[in-house]
């Protein structure tokens, strides 16, 4: 586990700086709050990650730290136009 964490840490740091900046610049349309991204928006979303290594790093973070990780929360907000829907109990 430590080897995997060490392997993804540099990627995580760079990825988090880049993605959080990208998420902060997303223009939020209030009427879309909580709605999933459109196909074109998803294409843009994944173009930000454009490397399988970055995508693996995000998946690893979600698996290791859950949805409360600041990067994962930012991505979830980006993916849902600024509002993360409540989960089912």
PDB file of N, CA and C in Angstrom:
ATOM      1  N   UNK A   1       0.829  -1.200   0.000  1.00  0.00           N
ATOM      2  CA  UNK A   1       0.000   0.000   0.000  1.00  0.00           C
ATOM      3  C   UNK A   1       0.866   1.254   0.000  1.00  0.00           C
ATOM      4  N   UNK A   2       1.923   1.259   0.805  1.00  0.00           N
ATOM      5  CA  UNK A   2       2.803   2.430   0.837  1.00  0.00           C
ATOM      6  C   UNK A   2       3.456   2.674  -0.512  1.00  0.00           C
ATOM      7  N   UNK A   3       3.825   1.576  -1.191  1.00  0.00           N
ATOM      8  CA  UNK A   3       4.433   1.726  -2.516  1.00  0.00           C
ATOM      9  C   UNK A   3       3.456   2.380  -3.481  1.00  0.00           C
ATOM     10  N   UNK A   4       2.202   1.945  -3.429  1.00  0.00           N
ATOM     11  CA  UNK A   4       1.196   2.541  -4.313  1.00  0.00           C
ATOM     12  C   UNK A   4       0.985   4.009  -3.974  1.00  0.00           C
ATOM     13  N   UNK A   5       0.911   4.333  -2.686  1.00  0.00           N
ATOM     14  CA  UNK A   5       0.718   5.715  -2.269  1.00  0.00           C
ATOM     15  C   UNK A   5       1.886   6.568  -2.726  1.00  0.00           C
ATOM     16  N   UNK A   6       3.109   6.075  -2.524  1.00  0.00           N
ATOM     17  CA  UNK A   6       4.293   6.822  -2.942  1.00  0.00           C
ATOM     18  C   UNK A   6       4.308   7.024  -4.450  1.00  0.00           C
ATOM     19  N   UNK A   7       3.867   6.038  -5.175  1.00  0.00           N
ATOM     20  CA  UNK A   7       3.841   6.117  -6.637  1.00  0.00           C
ATOM     21  C   UNK A   7       2.888   7.214  -7.114  1.00  0.00           C
ATOM     22  N   UNK A   8       1.759   7.384  -6.433  1.00  0.00           N
ATOM     23  CA  UNK A   8       0.758   8.344  -6.875  1.00  0.00           C
ATOM     24  C   UNK A   8       0.901   9.717  -6.237  1.00  0.00           C
ATOM     25  N   UNK A   9       1.689   9.869  -5.182  1.00  0.00           N
ATOM     26  CA  UNK A   9       1.771  11.149  -4.493  1.00  0.00           C
ATOM     27  C   UNK A   9       2.231  12.300  -5.380  1.00  0.00           C
ATOM     28  N   UNK A  10       3.340  12.188  -6.119  1.00  0.00           N
ATOM     29  CA  UNK A  10       3.716  13.315  -6.976  1.00  0.00           C
ATOM     30  C   UNK A  10       2.630  13.620  -8.003  1.00  0.00           C
ATOM     31  N   UNK A  11       2.049  12.587  -8.575  1.00  0.00           N
ATOM     32  CA  UNK A  11       0.966  12.785  -9.538  1.00  0.00           C
ATOM     33  C   UNK A  11      -0.210  13.468  -8.863  1.00  0.00           C
ATOM     34  N   UNK A  12      -0.529  13.038  -7.655  1.00  0.00           N
ATOM     35  CA  UNK A  12      -1.660  13.605  -6.929  1.00  0.00           C
ATOM     36  C   UNK A  12      -1.453  15.083  -6.682  1.00  0.00           C
ATOM     37  N   UNK A  13      -0.257  15.466  -6.258  1.00  0.00           N
ATOM     38  CA  UNK A  13       0.015  16.867  -5.954  1.00  0.00           C
ATOM     39  C   UNK A  13      -0.147  17.734  -7.196  1.00  0.00           C
ATOM     40  N   UNK A  14       0.494  17.338  -8.284  1.00  0.00           N
ATOM     41  CA  UNK A  14       0.394  18.117  -9.522  1.00  0.00           C
ATOM     42  C   UNK A  14      -1.024  18.105 -10.064  1.00  0.00           C
ATOM     43  N   UNK A  15      -1.648  16.952 -10.020  1.00  0.00           N
ATOM     44  CA  UNK A  15      -3.014  16.819 -10.503  1.00  0.00           C
ATOM     45  C   UNK A  15      -3.962  17.690  -9.695  1.00  0.00           C
ATOM     46  N   UNK A  16      -3.807  17.687  -8.383  1.00  0.00           N
ATOM     47  CA  UNK A  16      -4.711  18.465  -7.538  1.00  0.00           C
ATOM     48  C   UNK A  16      -4.570  19.955  -7.816  1.00  0.00           C
ATOM     49  N   UNK A  17      -3.342  20.444  -7.968  1.00  0.00           N
ATOM     50  CA  UNK A  17      -3.148  21.866  -8.262  1.00  0.00           C
ATOM     51  C   UNK A  17      -3.803  22.235  -9.586  1.00  0.00           C
ATOM     52  N   UNK A  18      -3.630  21.394 -10.585  1.00  0.00           N
ATOM     53  CA  UNK A  18      -4.152  21.684 -11.910  1.00  0.00           C
ATOM     54  C   UNK A  18      -5.672  21.584 -11.954  1.00  0.00           C
ATOM     55  N   UNK A  19      -6.208  20.511 -11.396  1.00  0.00           N
ATOM     56  CA  UNK A  19      -7.655  20.304 -11.467  1.00  0.00           C
ATOM     57  C   UNK A  19      -8.429  21.265 -10.585  1.00  0.00           C
ATOM     58  N   UNK A  20      -7.903  21.571  -9.406  1.00  0.00           N
ATOM     59  CA  UNK A  20      -8.605  22.520  -8.547  1.00  0.00           C
ATOM     60  C   UNK A  20      -8.643  23.893  -9.206  1.00  0.00           C
ATOM     61  N   UNK A  21      -7.568  24.266  -9.877  1.00  0.00           N
ATOM     62  CA  UNK A  21      -7.565  25.538 -10.601  1.00  0.00           C
ATOM     63  C   UNK A  21      -8.578  25.499 -11.739  1.00  0.00           C
ATOM     64  N   UNK A  22      -8.640  24.394 -12.460  1.00  0.00           N
ATOM     65  CA  UNK A  22      -9.598  24.257 -13.564  1.00  0.00           C
ATOM     66  C   UNK A  22     -11.028  24.286 -13.040  1.00  0.00           C
ATOM     67  N   UNK A  23     -11.275  23.616 -11.929  1.00  0.00           N
ATOM     68  CA  UNK A  23     -12.620  23.580 -11.353  1.00  0.00           C
ATOM     69  C   UNK A  23     -13.033  24.963 -10.864  1.00  0.00           C
ATOM     70  N   UNK A  24     -12.081  25.728 -10.323  1.00  0.00           N
ATOM     71  CA  UNK A  24     -12.393  27.070  -9.844  1.00  0.00           C
ATOM     72  C   UNK A  24     -12.778  28.013 -10.973  1.00  0.00           C
ATOM     73  N   UNK A  25     -12.269  27.767 -12.180  1.00  0.00           N
ATOM     74  CA  UNK A  25     -12.543  28.666 -13.293  1.00  0.00           C
ATOM     75  C   UNK A  25     -13.801  28.282 -14.063  1.00  0.00           C
ATOM     76  N   UNK A  26     -14.424  27.175 -13.701  1.00  0.00           N
ATOM     77  CA  UNK A  26     -15.633  26.761 -14.414  1.00  0.00           C
ATOM     78  C   UNK A  26     -16.741  27.775 -14.159  1.00  0.00           C
ATOM     79  N   UNK A  27     -17.378  28.211 -15.229  1.00  0.00           N
ATOM     80  CA  UNK A  27     -18.499  29.136 -15.105  1.00  0.00           C
ATOM     81  C   UNK A  27     -19.725  28.331 -14.687  1.00  0.00           C
ATOM     82  N   UNK A  28     -20.329  28.737 -13.593  1.00  0.00           N
ATOM     83  CA  UNK A  28     -21.479  28.013 -13.066  1.00  0.00           C
ATOM     84  C   UNK A  28     -22.772  28.661 -13.551  1.00  0.00           C
ATOM     85  N   UNK A  29     -23.608  27.895 -14.162  1.00  0.00           N
ATOM     86  CA  UNK A  29     -24.934  28.336 -14.580  1.00  0.00           C
ATOM     87  C   UNK A  29     -25.890  27.892 -13.478  1.00  0.00           C
ATOM     88  N   UNK A  30     -26.488  28.846 -12.735  1.00  0.00           N
ATOM     89  CA  UNK A  30     -27.333  28.471 -11.592  1.00  0.00           C
ATOM     90  C   UNK A  30     -28.435  27.471 -11.924  1.00  0.00           C
ATOM     91  N   UNK A  31     -29.004  27.546 -13.116  1.00  0.00           N
ATOM     92  CA  UNK A  31     -30.098  26.632 -13.454  1.00  0.00           C
ATOM     93  C   UNK A  31     -29.619  25.195 -13.646  1.00  0.00           C
ATOM     94  N   UNK A  32     -28.305  24.992 -13.792  1.00  0.00           N
ATOM     95  CA  UNK A  32     -27.762  23.647 -13.989  1.00  0.00           C
ATOM     96  C   UNK A  32     -27.213  23.038 -12.699  1.00  0.00           C
ATOM     97  N   UNK A  33     -27.262  23.770 -11.603  1.00  0.00           N
ATOM     98  CA  UNK A  33     -26.683  23.299 -10.342  1.00  0.00           C
ATOM     99  C   UNK A  33     -27.226  21.924  -9.968  1.00  0.00           C
ATOM    100  N   UNK A  34     -26.325  20.979  -9.734  1.00  0.00           N
ATOM    101  CA  UNK A  34     -26.690  19.625  -9.346  1.00  0.00           C
ATOM    102  C   UNK A  34     -26.933  18.685 -10.515  1.00  0.00           C
ATOM    103  N   UNK A  35     -26.964  19.223 -11.723  1.00  0.00           N
ATOM    104  CA  UNK A  35     -27.182  18.396 -12.913  1.00  0.00           C
ATOM    105  C   UNK A  35     -25.847  17.846 -13.404  1.00  0.00           C
ATOM    106  N   UNK A  36     -25.833  16.617 -13.913  1.00  0.00           N
ATOM    107  CA  UNK A  36     -24.587  16.071 -14.466  1.00  0.00           C
ATOM    108  C   UNK A  36     -24.156  16.859 -15.703  1.00  0.00           C
ATOM    109  N   UNK A  37     -22.902  16.719 -16.057  1.00  0.00           N
ATOM    110  CA  UNK A  37     -22.374  17.377 -17.243  1.00  0.00           C
ATOM    111  C   UNK A  37     -23.004  16.802 -18.511  1.00  0.00           C
ATOM    112  N   UNK A  38     -23.077  17.635 -19.535  1.00  0.00           N
ATOM    113  CA  UNK A  38     -23.523  17.164 -20.851  1.00  0.00           C
ATOM    114  C   UNK A  38     -22.385  16.363 -21.482  1.00  0.00           C
ATOM    115  N   UNK A  39     -22.662  15.719 -22.607  1.00  0.00           N
ATOM    116  CA  UNK A  39     -21.620  14.951 -23.294  1.00  0.00           C
ATOM    117  C   UNK A  39     -20.429  15.836 -23.655  1.00  0.00           C
ATOM    118  N   UNK A  40     -20.697  17.036 -24.166  1.00  0.00           N
ATOM    119  CA  UNK A  40     -19.609  17.952 -24.538  1.00  0.00           C
ATOM    120  C   UNK A  40     -18.820  18.386 -23.303  1.00  0.00           C
ATOM    121  N   UNK A  41     -19.527  18.637 -22.196  1.00  0.00           N
ATOM    122  CA  UNK A  41     -18.841  19.028 -20.963  1.00  0.00           C
ATOM    123  C   UNK A  41     -17.999  17.882 -20.417  1.00  0.00           C
ATOM    124  N   UNK A  42     -18.502  16.639 -20.508  1.00  0.00           N
ATOM    125  CA  UNK A  42     -17.706  15.483 -20.078  1.00  0.00           C
ATOM    126  C   UNK A  42     -16.455  15.335 -20.931  1.00  0.00           C
ATOM    127  N   UNK A  43     -16.599  15.578 -22.224  1.00  0.00           N
ATOM    128  CA  UNK A  43     -15.437  15.496 -23.104  1.00  0.00           C
ATOM    129  C   UNK A  43     -14.371  16.499 -22.659  1.00  0.00           C
ATOM    130  N   UNK A  44     -14.802  17.717 -22.328  1.00  0.00           N
ATOM    131  CA  UNK A  44     -13.866  18.726 -21.828  1.00  0.00           C
ATOM    132  C   UNK A  44     -13.282  18.301 -20.480  1.00  0.00           C
ATOM    133  N   UNK A  45     -14.132  17.790 -19.599  1.00  0.00           N
ATOM    134  CA  UNK A  45     -13.715  17.335 -18.268  1.00  0.00           C
ATOM    135  C   UNK A  45     -12.597  16.300 -18.377  1.00  0.00           C
ATOM    136  N   UNK A  46     -12.785  15.301 -19.241  1.00  0.00           N
ATOM    137  CA  UNK A  46     -11.771  14.263 -19.374  1.00  0.00           C
ATOM    138  C   UNK A  46     -10.567  14.732 -20.179  1.00  0.00           C
ATOM    139  N   UNK A  47     -10.733  15.769 -21.002  1.00  0.00           N
ATOM    140  CA  UNK A  47      -9.565  16.302 -21.711  1.00  0.00           C
ATOM    141  C   UNK A  47      -8.605  16.954 -20.728  1.00  0.00           C
ATOM    142  N   UNK A  48      -9.131  17.468 -19.616  1.00  0.00           N
ATOM    143  CA  UNK A  48      -8.271  18.029 -18.570  1.00  0.00           C
ATOM    144  C   UNK A  48      -7.393  16.927 -17.993  1.00  0.00           C
ATOM    145  N   UNK A  49      -7.958  15.745 -17.854  1.00  0.00           N
ATOM    146  CA  UNK A  49      -7.212  14.612 -17.294  1.00  0.00           C
ATOM    147  C   UNK A  49      -6.350  13.915 -18.334  1.00  0.00           C
ATOM    148  N   UNK A  50      -6.514  14.202 -19.580  1.00  0.00           N
ATOM    149  CA  UNK A  50      -5.992  13.598 -20.800  1.00  0.00           C
ATOM    150  C   UNK A  50      -4.888  12.544 -20.693  1.00  0.00           C
ATOM    151  N   UNK A  51      -4.544  12.104 -19.556  1.00  0.00           N
ATOM    152  CA  UNK A  51      -3.518  11.070 -19.433  1.00  0.00           C
ATOM    153  C   UNK A  51      -4.051   9.936 -18.564  1.00  0.00           C
ATOM    154  N   UNK A  52      -3.881   8.697 -19.005  1.00  0.00           N
ATOM    155  CA  UNK A  52      -4.330   7.564 -18.186  1.00  0.00           C
ATOM    156  C   UNK A  52      -3.730   7.597 -16.779  1.00  0.00           C
ATOM    157  N   UNK A  53      -2.515   8.105 -16.649  1.00  0.00           N
ATOM    158  CA  UNK A  53      -1.881   8.192 -15.326  1.00  0.00           C
ATOM    159  C   UNK A  53      -2.654   9.143 -14.411  1.00  0.00           C
ATOM    160  N   UNK A  54      -3.101  10.267 -14.945  1.00  0.00           N
ATOM    161  CA  UNK A  54      -3.877  11.211 -14.135  1.00  0.00           C
ATOM    162  C   UNK A  54      -5.226  10.614 -13.755  1.00  0.00           C
ATOM    163  N   UNK A  55      -5.848   9.935 -14.693  1.00  0.00           N
ATOM    164  CA  UNK A  55      -7.144   9.312 -14.405  1.00  0.00           C
ATOM    165  C   UNK A  55      -6.979   8.245 -13.329  1.00  0.00           C
ATOM    166  N   UNK A  56      -5.921   7.432 -13.414  1.00  0.00           N
ATOM    167  CA  UNK A  56      -5.653   6.422 -12.378  1.00  0.00           C
ATOM    168  C   UNK A  56      -5.425   7.091 -11.027  1.00  0.00           C
ATOM    169  N   UNK A  57      -4.736   8.229 -11.016  1.00  0.00           N
ATOM    170  CA  UNK A  57      -4.478   8.932  -9.754  1.00  0.00           C
ATOM    171  C   UNK A  57      -5.786   9.383  -9.108  1.00  0.00           C
ATOM    172  N   UNK A  58      -6.710   9.903  -9.911  1.00  0.00           N
ATOM    173  CA  UNK A  58      -8.008  10.327  -9.380  1.00  0.00           C
ATOM    174  C   UNK A  58      -8.781   9.129  -8.845  1.00  0.00           C
ATOM    175  N   UNK A  59      -8.796   8.035  -9.586  1.00  0.00           N
ATOM    176  CA  UNK A  59      -9.490   6.822  -9.129  1.00  0.00           C
ATOM    177  C   UNK A  59      -8.865   6.299  -7.840  1.00  0.00           C
ATOM    178  N   UNK A  60      -7.545   6.341  -7.758  1.00  0.00           N
ATOM    179  CA  UNK A  60      -6.839   5.902  -6.561  1.00  0.00           C
ATOM    180  C   UNK A  60      -7.227   6.775  -5.366  1.00  0.00           C
ATOM    181  N   UNK A  61      -7.264   8.091  -5.554  1.00  0.00           N
ATOM    182  CA  UNK A  61      -7.649   8.997  -4.467  1.00  0.00           C
ATOM    183  C   UNK A  61      -9.059   8.708  -3.977  1.00  0.00           C
ATOM    184  N   UNK A  62      -9.972   8.507  -4.917  1.00  0.00           N
ATOM    185  CA  UNK A  62     -11.361   8.216  -4.521  1.00  0.00           C
ATOM    186  C   UNK A  62     -11.428   6.914  -3.731  1.00  0.00           C
ATOM    187  N   UNK A  63     -10.692   5.905  -4.174  1.00  0.00           N
ATOM    188  CA  UNK A  63     -10.701   4.608  -3.484  1.00  0.00           C
ATOM    189  C   UNK A  63     -10.049   4.704  -2.105  1.00  0.00           C
ATOM    190  N   UNK A  64      -8.955   5.450  -2.000  1.00  0.00           N
ATOM    191  CA  UNK A  64      -8.219   5.522  -0.733  1.00  0.00           C
ATOM    192  C   UNK A  64      -8.861   6.455   0.284  1.00  0.00           C
ATOM    193  N   UNK A  65      -9.314   7.610  -0.174  1.00  0.00           N
ATOM    194  CA  UNK A  65      -9.752   8.652   0.754  1.00  0.00           C
ATOM    195  C   UNK A  65     -11.237   8.941   0.708  1.00  0.00           C
ATOM    196  N   UNK A  66     -11.939   8.343  -0.230  1.00  0.00           N
ATOM    197  CA  UNK A  66     -13.377   8.541  -0.301  1.00  0.00           C
ATOM    198  C   UNK A  66     -13.759   9.892  -0.873  1.00  0.00           C
ATOM    199  N   UNK A  67     -15.008  10.177  -0.790  1.00  0.00           N
ATOM    200  CA  UNK A  67     -15.558  11.369  -1.426  1.00  0.00           C
ATOM    201  C   UNK A  67     -15.313  12.648  -0.635  1.00  0.00           C
ATOM    202  N   UNK A  68     -14.742  12.550   0.559  1.00  0.00           N
ATOM    203  CA  UNK A  68     -14.504  13.751   1.352  1.00  0.00           C
ATOM    204  C   UNK A  68     -13.144  14.383   1.078  1.00  0.00           C
ATOM    205  N   UNK A  69     -12.309  13.737   0.285  1.00  0.00           N
ATOM    206  CA  UNK A  69     -11.024  14.305  -0.104  1.00  0.00           C
ATOM    207  C   UNK A  69     -11.286  15.604  -0.864  1.00  0.00           C
ATOM    208  N   UNK A  70     -10.501  16.651  -0.597  1.00  0.00           N
ATOM    209  CA  UNK A  70     -10.762  17.962  -1.198  1.00  0.00           C
ATOM    210  C   UNK A  70     -10.708  17.935  -2.723  1.00  0.00           C
ATOM    211  N   UNK A  71      -9.796  17.174  -3.290  1.00  0.00           N
ATOM    212  CA  UNK A  71      -9.723  17.080  -4.746  1.00  0.00           C
ATOM    213  C   UNK A  71     -10.955  16.370  -5.300  1.00  0.00           C
ATOM    214  N   UNK A  72     -11.345  15.283  -4.659  1.00  0.00           N
ATOM    215  CA  UNK A  72     -12.516  14.533  -5.119  1.00  0.00           C
ATOM    216  C   UNK A  72     -13.766  15.395  -4.992  1.00  0.00           C
ATOM    217  N   UNK A  73     -13.901  16.131  -3.884  1.00  0.00           N
ATOM    218  CA  UNK A  73     -15.054  17.031  -3.714  1.00  0.00           C
ATOM    219  C   UNK A  73     -15.087  18.078  -4.826  1.00  0.00           C
ATOM    220  N   UNK A  74     -13.914  18.641  -5.147  1.00  0.00           N
ATOM    221  CA  UNK A  74     -13.853  19.653  -6.210  1.00  0.00           C
ATOM    222  C   UNK A  74     -14.254  19.052  -7.556  1.00  0.00           C
ATOM    223  N   UNK A  75     -13.776  17.844  -7.833  1.00  0.00           N
ATOM    224  CA  UNK A  75     -14.143  17.180  -9.087  1.00  0.00           C
ATOM    225  C   UNK A  75     -15.633  16.861  -9.123  1.00  0.00           C
ATOM    226  N   UNK A  76     -16.178  16.396  -7.994  1.00  0.00           N
ATOM    227  CA  UNK A  76     -17.610  16.095  -7.936  1.00  0.00           C
ATOM    228  C   UNK A  76     -18.438  17.366  -8.149  1.00  0.00           C
ATOM    229  N   UNK A  77     -17.981  18.479  -7.554  1.00  0.00           N
ATOM    230  CA  UNK A  77     -18.693  19.741  -7.757  1.00  0.00           C
ATOM    231  C   UNK A  77     -18.617  20.166  -9.218  1.00  0.00           C
ATOM    232  N   UNK A  78     -17.436  20.049  -9.803  1.00  0.00           N
ATOM    233  CA  UNK A  78     -17.263  20.390 -11.217  1.00  0.00           C
ATOM    234  C   UNK A  78     -18.182  19.535 -12.081  1.00  0.00           C
ATOM    235  N   UNK A  79     -18.233  18.254 -11.751  1.00  0.00           N
ATOM    236  CA  UNK A  79     -19.003  17.295 -12.542  1.00  0.00           C
ATOM    237  C   UNK A  79     -20.512  17.503 -12.417  1.00  0.00           C
ATOM    238  N   UNK A  80     -20.953  18.208 -11.385  1.00  0.00           N
ATOM    239  CA  UNK A  80     -22.384  18.423 -11.151  1.00  0.00           C
ATOM    240  C   UNK A  80     -22.739  19.904 -11.116  1.00  0.00           C
ATOM    241  N   UNK A  81     -22.019  20.698 -11.900  1.00  0.00           N
ATOM    242  CA  UNK A  81     -22.279  22.131 -12.019  1.00  0.00           C
ATOM    243  C   UNK A  81     -22.311  22.839 -10.664  1.00  0.00           C
ATOM    244  N   UNK A  82     -21.380  22.496  -9.804  1.00  0.00           N
ATOM    245  CA  UNK A  82     -21.200  23.230  -8.557  1.00  0.00           C
ATOM    246  C   UNK A  82     -21.906  22.682  -7.336  1.00  0.00           C
ATOM    247  N   UNK A  83     -22.804  21.730  -7.490  1.00  0.00           N
ATOM    248  CA  UNK A  83     -23.548  21.188  -6.353  1.00  0.00           C
ATOM    249  C   UNK A  83     -23.419  19.672  -6.353  1.00  0.00           C
ATOM    250  N   UNK A  84     -22.921  19.123  -5.256  1.00  0.00           N
ATOM    251  CA  UNK A  84     -22.802  17.671  -5.138  1.00  0.00           C
ATOM    252  C   UNK A  84     -24.116  17.138  -4.579  1.00  0.00           C
ATOM    253  N   UNK A  85     -24.818  16.289  -5.338  1.00  0.00           N
ATOM    254  CA  UNK A  85     -26.081  15.735  -4.840  1.00  0.00           C
ATOM    255  C   UNK A  85     -25.859  14.909  -3.567  1.00  0.00           C
ATOM    256  N   UNK A  86     -26.840  14.908  -2.712  1.00  0.00           N
ATOM    257  CA  UNK A  86     -26.772  14.105  -1.488  1.00  0.00           C
ATOM    258  C   UNK A  86     -26.831  12.629  -1.845  1.00  0.00           C
ATOM    259  N   UNK A  87     -26.034  11.834  -1.151  1.00  0.00           N
ATOM    260  CA  UNK A  87     -26.049  10.390  -1.369  1.00  0.00           C
ATOM    261  C   UNK A  87     -27.223   9.742  -0.663  1.00  0.00           C
ATOM    262  N   UNK A  88     -27.502   8.523  -1.045  1.00  0.00           N
ATOM    263  CA  UNK A  88     -28.570   7.768  -0.378  1.00  0.00           C
ATOM    264  C   UNK A  88     -28.019   7.202   0.921  1.00  0.00           C
ATOM    265  N   UNK A  89     -28.839   7.200   1.980  1.00  0.00           N
ATOM    266  CA  UNK A  89     -28.365   6.658   3.272  1.00  0.00           C
ATOM    267  C   UNK A  89     -28.117   5.170   3.222  1.00  0.00           C
TER     268      UNK A  89
END
